[in-house]
């Protein structure tokens, strides 16, 4: 780096344009021009300016960019009550059973309804759900640690499997996202206990989710989920905006489909919200679950919590 004192030491500077080192031997030219050369040497600060402006463009979260992400443009207009614990109710597998799904859509909101793209009633009910005051998510089928035939609702035609090549996996991701892109705010995994345990595969899924400008909700179907580490990998190597906001399920409502289990899980949801400030509970449109919610939802204000759409809890996550 060239500083001022280097050029002020000799009384007579060479007329040769300065380089990174002063000329070792004097030249025979007159000394009349040295005062003109220092300004040209002092110009480098203009070269230092670009690095100062580029990092913010990499670190800025997507929600402050001119083109708002889908988890904002497709979100419900909703303002949570300050200081009141928030409860999010997500119902998965919507769209497969038209009757059960319609009963879920008819519940008072704002709920968060996660649709399977291949469901016979998905296209119709997704639009209706949004009109009814619910938020819409995409339920993304992923490989489980058990046979899909053992699950109440299977993978469908386009699951993400561990042994697929990346091109097939990407094509299946798009097949699940495309039918709901216009209304969805985020994505969560359908099953996926085997898939979400793969750090490299979850890195792919989160990168694709970020490209869709949606968030990802980990349903936490396994304690070995690598979603958190995949998000960290993307942000460390490619910048904050390379990974989507990620949320995590707190309570399963109907792992056992009995009124006693569901009511106990709803009570746990309220307790979790009061302890953490936010609780995300996941259930399904089983008649027993829908009936329990019909009774429980009107009591939330008396219990000191508020029901919110899932995008209402994103604010803390999206900050760098």
Protein backbone atom coordinates (compact mmCIF):
# COMPACT_ATOMS: atom_id res chain seq x y z
CA UNK A 1 0.00 0.00 0.00
CA UNK A 2 1.42 3.46 -0.97
CA UNK A 3 1.22 6.19 1.64
CA UNK A 4 1.92 9.92 1.52
CA UNK A 5 5.33 9.93 3.22
CA UNK A 6 6.85 7.68 0.52
CA UNK A 7 6.41 10.38 -2.10
CA UNK A 8 7.46 13.34 0.08
CA UNK A 9 10.92 12.05 1.09
CA UNK A 10 13.08 12.89 -2.01
CA UNK A 11 13.15 16.53 -3.10
CA UNK A 12 13.12 15.53 -6.74
CA UNK A 13 10.75 12.73 -7.87
CA UNK A 14 11.17 10.94 -11.20
CA UNK A 15 8.70 11.73 -13.93
CA UNK A 16 8.18 8.07 -14.54
CA UNK A 17 4.63 7.13 -13.38
CA UNK A 18 4.84 5.77 -9.84
CA UNK A 19 4.66 2.06 -9.28
CA UNK A 20 4.28 0.11 -6.07
CA UNK A 21 7.95 0.96 -5.20
CA UNK A 22 9.85 4.24 -5.70
CA UNK A 23 12.45 4.22 -8.53
CA UNK A 24 15.89 3.30 -7.15
CA UNK A 25 17.87 5.68 -9.38
CA UNK A 26 17.21 9.34 -10.23
CA UNK A 27 16.58 10.32 -13.82
CA UNK A 28 17.86 13.37 -15.67
CA UNK A 29 14.45 14.91 -16.29
CA UNK A 30 13.56 18.13 -14.48
CA UNK A 31 11.78 17.96 -11.15
CA UNK A 32 8.96 20.23 -12.26
CA UNK A 33 6.20 17.57 -12.60
CA UNK A 34 6.20 15.56 -9.31
CA UNK A 35 3.36 17.60 -7.75
CA UNK A 36 1.03 16.39 -10.54
CA UNK A 37 1.54 12.67 -9.95
CA UNK A 38 0.41 12.16 -6.29
CA UNK A 39 -3.32 12.74 -7.01
CA UNK A 40 -3.22 9.90 -9.57
CA UNK A 41 -1.65 7.63 -6.96
CA UNK A 42 -4.20 8.54 -4.29
CA UNK A 43 -7.08 7.36 -6.53
CA UNK A 44 -7.23 3.70 -5.19
CA UNK A 45 -10.02 4.44 -2.62
CA UNK A 46 -12.44 4.23 -5.57
CA UNK A 47 -11.37 0.59 -6.03
CA UNK A 48 -12.05 -0.24 -2.37
CA UNK A 49 -15.68 0.93 -2.50
CA UNK A 50 -17.37 -2.09 -4.24
CA UNK A 51 -16.52 -4.66 -1.49
CA UNK A 52 -18.28 -2.42 1.03
CA UNK A 53 -21.57 -2.49 -0.88
CA UNK A 54 -21.74 -6.18 -1.87
CA UNK A 55 -22.09 -8.01 1.50
CA UNK A 56 -25.50 -6.49 2.40
CA UNK A 57 -26.94 -7.80 -0.87
CA UNK A 58 -25.91 -11.33 0.15
CA UNK A 59 -27.06 -11.15 3.76
CA UNK A 60 -30.37 -9.32 3.29
CA UNK A 61 -33.32 -11.61 4.08
CA UNK A 62 -35.66 -12.17 1.14
CA UNK A 63 -38.62 -10.42 2.76
CA UNK A 64 -37.03 -6.98 2.33
CA UNK A 65 -36.23 -7.37 -1.34
CA UNK A 66 -38.34 -5.48 -3.90
CA UNK A 67 -40.02 -8.73 -4.99
CA UNK A 68 -41.72 -10.04 -1.86
CA UNK A 69 -41.54 -13.80 -1.16
CA UNK A 70 -44.55 -16.06 -1.37
CA UNK A 71 -44.64 -16.44 2.40
CA UNK A 72 -45.62 -12.76 2.37
CA UNK A 73 -47.63 -12.35 -0.84
CA UNK A 74 -49.70 -15.50 -0.18
CA UNK A 75 -50.05 -14.87 3.55
CA UNK A 76 -53.18 -13.79 5.33
CA UNK A 77 -53.26 -10.16 6.42
CA UNK A 78 -52.97 -10.71 10.15
CA UNK A 79 -51.64 -8.73 13.10
CA UNK A 80 -51.02 -10.80 16.27
CA UNK A 81 -51.85 -9.30 19.65
CA UNK A 82 -48.56 -8.18 21.21
CA UNK A 83 -47.49 -10.16 24.27
CA UNK A 84 -50.11 -12.91 23.89
CA UNK A 85 -48.73 -16.46 23.36
CA UNK A 86 -49.37 -17.72 19.84
CA UNK A 87 -50.81 -21.09 18.78
CA UNK A 88 -50.50 -22.43 15.24
CA UNK A 89 -52.69 -25.37 14.20
CA UNK A 90 -51.52 -27.18 11.05
CA UNK A 91 -53.73 -29.88 9.56
CA UNK A 92 -51.90 -32.21 7.14
CA UNK A 93 -53.13 -34.55 4.38
CA UNK A 94 -55.76 -32.08 3.21
CA UNK A 95 -57.26 -32.81 -0.21
CA UNK A 96 -57.11 -36.61 -0.18
CA UNK A 97 -60.42 -37.27 1.55
CA UNK A 98 -62.83 -34.68 0.16
CA UNK A 99 -65.32 -35.11 2.99
CA UNK A 100 -62.83 -34.90 5.87
CA UNK A 101 -60.91 -32.10 4.19
CA UNK A 102 -64.05 -30.03 3.66
CA UNK A 103 -64.84 -30.40 7.36
CA UNK A 104 -61.39 -29.06 8.19
CA UNK A 105 -61.80 -26.10 5.82
CA UNK A 106 -65.11 -25.27 7.52
CA UNK A 107 -63.43 -24.87 10.95
CA UNK A 108 -63.02 -21.34 12.32
CA UNK A 109 -59.63 -19.90 11.53
CA UNK A 110 -57.07 -18.86 10.97
CA UNK A 111 -55.81 -22.44 10.59
CA UNK A 112 -52.93 -23.61 8.41
CA UNK A 113 -53.96 -26.36 6.00
CA UNK A 114 -51.28 -28.45 4.29
CA UNK A 115 -52.43 -30.01 1.02
CA UNK A 116 -51.17 -33.08 -0.81
CA UNK A 117 -50.84 -32.09 -4.46
CA UNK A 118 -52.31 -35.35 -5.72
CA UNK A 119 -55.49 -35.14 -3.62
CA UNK A 120 -58.73 -35.32 -5.59
CA UNK A 121 -60.11 -32.27 -3.78
CA UNK A 122 -56.87 -30.30 -3.50
CA UNK A 123 -57.34 -27.76 -6.29
CA UNK A 124 -60.88 -26.86 -5.25
CA UNK A 125 -60.37 -26.84 -1.49
CA UNK A 126 -57.05 -24.96 -1.54
CA UNK A 127 -58.75 -21.93 -3.08
CA UNK A 128 -61.71 -22.32 -0.76
CA UNK A 129 -59.44 -22.56 2.28
CA UNK A 130 -57.80 -19.27 1.40
CA UNK A 131 -61.20 -17.63 0.94
CA UNK A 132 -62.31 -19.01 4.32
CA UNK A 133 -59.42 -17.29 6.11
CA UNK A 134 -56.91 -20.13 6.36
CA UNK A 135 -53.33 -20.28 5.11
CA UNK A 136 -52.27 -22.96 2.64
CA UNK A 137 -49.14 -25.08 2.67
CA UNK A 138 -47.74 -27.88 0.48
CA UNK A 139 -47.46 -31.31 2.12
CA UNK A 140 -44.38 -32.81 0.46
CA UNK A 141 -44.17 -36.64 0.45
CA UNK A 142 -40.78 -37.94 1.62
CA UNK A 143 -39.45 -41.42 2.25
CA UNK A 144 -40.25 -42.90 5.65
CA UNK A 145 -38.48 -45.57 7.67
CA UNK A 146 -41.46 -47.85 7.10
CA UNK A 147 -43.40 -49.01 4.05
CA UNK A 148 -45.70 -46.35 2.66
CA UNK A 149 -48.49 -48.90 2.58
CA UNK A 150 -48.44 -48.89 6.39
CA UNK A 151 -49.40 -45.21 6.51
CA UNK A 152 -53.02 -44.00 6.44
CA UNK A 153 -52.14 -41.76 3.47
CA UNK A 154 -49.45 -42.94 1.05
CA UNK A 155 -46.68 -41.16 -0.85
CA UNK A 156 -48.67 -40.45 -3.99
CA UNK A 157 -47.11 -40.43 -7.46
CA UNK A 158 -44.19 -38.05 -6.83
CA UNK A 159 -42.41 -38.73 -3.52
CA UNK A 160 -38.87 -37.70 -2.68
CA UNK A 161 -36.86 -40.87 -2.06
CA UNK A 162 -33.37 -41.37 -0.71
CA UNK A 163 -32.11 -43.45 -3.65
CA UNK A 164 -33.43 -41.21 -6.41
CA UNK A 165 -30.97 -39.26 -8.52
CA UNK A 166 -31.00 -35.51 -8.08
CA UNK A 167 -32.78 -34.85 -11.38
CA UNK A 168 -35.71 -37.14 -10.52
CA UNK A 169 -35.88 -35.72 -7.02
CA UNK A 170 -36.01 -32.17 -8.40
CA UNK A 171 -38.71 -33.14 -10.90
CA UNK A 172 -40.81 -34.70 -8.12
CA UNK A 173 -40.36 -31.62 -5.96
CA UNK A 174 -41.72 -29.45 -8.77
CA UNK A 175 -44.62 -31.84 -9.41
CA UNK A 176 -45.74 -31.35 -5.79
CA UNK A 177 -45.19 -27.58 -5.70
CA UNK A 178 -46.59 -26.49 -9.07
CA UNK A 179 -50.31 -27.12 -8.41
CA UNK A 180 -50.26 -25.05 -5.21
CA UNK A 181 -47.63 -22.41 -5.91
CA UNK A 182 -50.20 -19.66 -6.47
CA UNK A 183 -51.66 -19.93 -2.95
CA UNK A 184 -49.08 -21.64 -0.73
CA UNK A 185 -46.85 -19.94 1.83
CA UNK A 186 -44.65 -22.88 2.77
CA UNK A 187 -43.81 -26.58 2.62
CA UNK A 188 -43.74 -29.33 5.23
CA UNK A 189 -42.79 -32.97 5.00
CA UNK A 190 -45.34 -35.76 4.65
CA UNK A 191 -43.80 -38.70 6.54
CA UNK A 192 -40.06 -38.37 5.75
CA UNK A 193 -38.42 -40.03 8.77
CA UNK A 194 -35.79 -41.56 6.44
CA UNK A 195 -35.40 -38.62 4.08
CA UNK A 196 -35.13 -35.79 6.62
CA UNK A 197 -32.32 -37.70 8.37
CA UNK A 198 -30.12 -37.14 5.28
CA UNK A 199 -28.25 -33.86 5.58
CA UNK A 200 -27.27 -33.57 1.91
CA UNK A 201 -30.79 -34.34 0.70
CA UNK A 202 -32.35 -31.81 3.04
CA UNK A 203 -29.84 -29.23 1.80
CA UNK A 204 -31.22 -29.79 -1.71
CA UNK A 205 -34.83 -29.48 -0.55
CA UNK A 206 -34.17 -26.30 1.41
CA UNK A 207 -32.37 -24.74 -1.56
CA UNK A 208 -35.36 -25.52 -3.79
CA UNK A 209 -37.75 -24.19 -1.14
CA UNK A 210 -35.77 -20.94 -0.94
CA UNK A 211 -35.93 -20.63 -4.73
CA UNK A 212 -39.73 -20.83 -4.41
CA UNK A 213 -39.53 -18.08 -1.74
CA UNK A 214 -41.44 -20.25 0.72
CA UNK A 215 -40.54 -21.38 4.25
CA UNK A 216 -40.08 -24.96 5.42
CA UNK A 217 -41.83 -26.52 8.40
CA UNK A 218 -40.11 -29.64 9.71
CA UNK A 219 -42.87 -31.97 10.91
CA UNK A 220 -40.22 -33.67 13.08
CA UNK A 221 -41.19 -37.23 12.19
CA UNK A 222 -37.76 -38.30 13.47
CA UNK A 223 -35.45 -37.08 16.21
CA UNK A 224 -32.58 -37.54 13.71
CA UNK A 225 -33.79 -34.74 11.42
CA UNK A 226 -30.92 -32.89 9.71
CA UNK A 227 -32.99 -29.89 8.62
CA UNK A 228 -31.37 -27.50 11.09
CA UNK A 229 -27.87 -28.41 9.92
CA UNK A 230 -28.83 -28.25 6.25
CA UNK A 231 -30.12 -24.71 6.77
CA UNK A 232 -26.88 -23.74 8.51
CA UNK A 233 -24.83 -25.25 5.67
CA UNK A 234 -26.64 -23.19 3.04
CA UNK A 235 -26.36 -19.95 5.00
CA UNK A 236 -22.69 -20.50 5.75
CA UNK A 237 -21.64 -21.36 2.21
CA UNK A 238 -24.03 -19.29 0.09
CA UNK A 239 -25.38 -16.49 2.28
CA UNK A 240 -28.44 -15.99 4.45
CA UNK A 241 -30.97 -15.83 1.61
CA UNK A 242 -29.81 -19.17 0.16
CA UNK A 243 -31.79 -21.01 2.86
CA UNK A 244 -35.48 -20.53 3.61
CA UNK A 245 -36.91 -19.71 7.02
CA UNK A 246 -37.40 -23.00 8.91
CA UNK A 247 -39.93 -23.77 11.63
CA UNK A 248 -40.35 -26.92 13.74
CA UNK A 249 -43.38 -28.81 15.00
CA UNK A 250 -43.89 -28.80 18.78
CA UNK A 251 -46.90 -31.08 19.32
CA UNK A 252 -48.60 -33.92 17.42
CA UNK A 253 -52.33 -33.75 18.04
CA UNK A 254 -53.58 -37.12 16.88
CA UNK A 255 -50.78 -39.66 16.93
CA UNK A 256 -53.50 -41.68 18.61
CA UNK A 257 -56.94 -40.94 17.18
CA UNK A 258 -58.90 -40.88 20.41
CA UNK A 259 -60.67 -37.95 22.11
CA UNK A 260 -58.58 -38.42 25.25
CA UNK A 261 -55.27 -38.27 23.39
CA UNK A 262 -56.30 -35.34 21.20
CA UNK A 263 -57.63 -33.27 24.11
CA UNK A 264 -54.46 -33.91 26.10
CA UNK A 265 -52.38 -32.83 23.10
CA UNK A 266 -54.40 -29.62 22.76
CA UNK A 267 -53.80 -28.86 26.44
CA UNK A 268 -50.08 -29.48 25.86
CA UNK A 269 -50.19 -27.05 22.95
CA UNK A 270 -51.52 -24.25 25.17
CA UNK A 271 -48.93 -25.01 27.86
CA UNK A 272 -46.13 -24.99 25.27
CA UNK A 273 -47.28 -21.64 23.88
CA UNK A 274 -47.31 -20.10 27.34
CA UNK A 275 -43.82 -21.44 28.05
CA UNK A 276 -42.18 -20.61 24.71
CA UNK A 277 -44.36 -17.82 23.36
CA UNK A 278 -45.23 -19.94 20.30
CA UNK A 279 -46.51 -23.49 19.82
CA UNK A 280 -46.94 -25.25 16.46
CA UNK A 281 -49.23 -28.28 16.60
CA UNK A 282 -49.81 -30.68 13.70
CA UNK A 283 -52.89 -32.83 13.24
CA UNK A 284 -55.00 -34.36 10.49
CA UNK A 285 -58.59 -34.00 9.31
CA UNK A 286 -59.80 -37.06 11.20
CA UNK A 287 -63.41 -36.64 12.38
CA UNK A 288 -62.23 -36.96 16.00
CA UNK A 289 -59.64 -34.21 15.51
CA UNK A 290 -62.08 -31.89 13.75
CA UNK A 291 -64.67 -32.41 16.48
CA UNK A 292 -62.13 -31.69 19.22
CA UNK A 293 -61.03 -28.50 17.45
CA UNK A 294 -64.62 -27.33 17.09
CA UNK A 295 -64.93 -27.38 20.87
CA UNK A 296 -61.42 -26.15 21.70
CA UNK A 297 -60.85 -23.25 19.29
CA UNK A 298 -63.48 -20.91 20.81
CA UNK A 299 -61.83 -21.28 24.26
CA UNK A 300 -58.36 -19.99 23.36
CA UNK A 301 -58.91 -16.39 24.43
CA UNK A 302 -60.13 -17.58 27.84
CA UNK A 303 -57.00 -19.70 28.12
CA UNK A 304 -54.78 -16.68 27.47
CA UNK A 305 -53.45 -17.62 24.03
CA UNK A 306 -54.25 -16.57 20.47
CA UNK A 307 -54.71 -18.60 17.29
CA UNK A 308 -52.52 -17.30 14.46
CA UNK A 309 -51.67 -18.35 10.90
CA UNK A 310 -48.24 -19.87 10.57
CA UNK A 311 -46.73 -16.86 8.78
CA UNK A 312 -47.35 -14.79 11.92
CA UNK A 313 -44.52 -16.64 13.68
CA UNK A 314 -41.95 -16.15 10.91
CA UNK A 315 -40.75 -12.68 11.96
CA UNK A 316 -38.06 -13.88 14.38
CA UNK A 317 -36.76 -16.59 12.02
CA UNK A 318 -36.17 -14.41 8.97
CA UNK A 319 -33.73 -12.02 10.63
CA UNK A 320 -30.03 -12.59 9.77
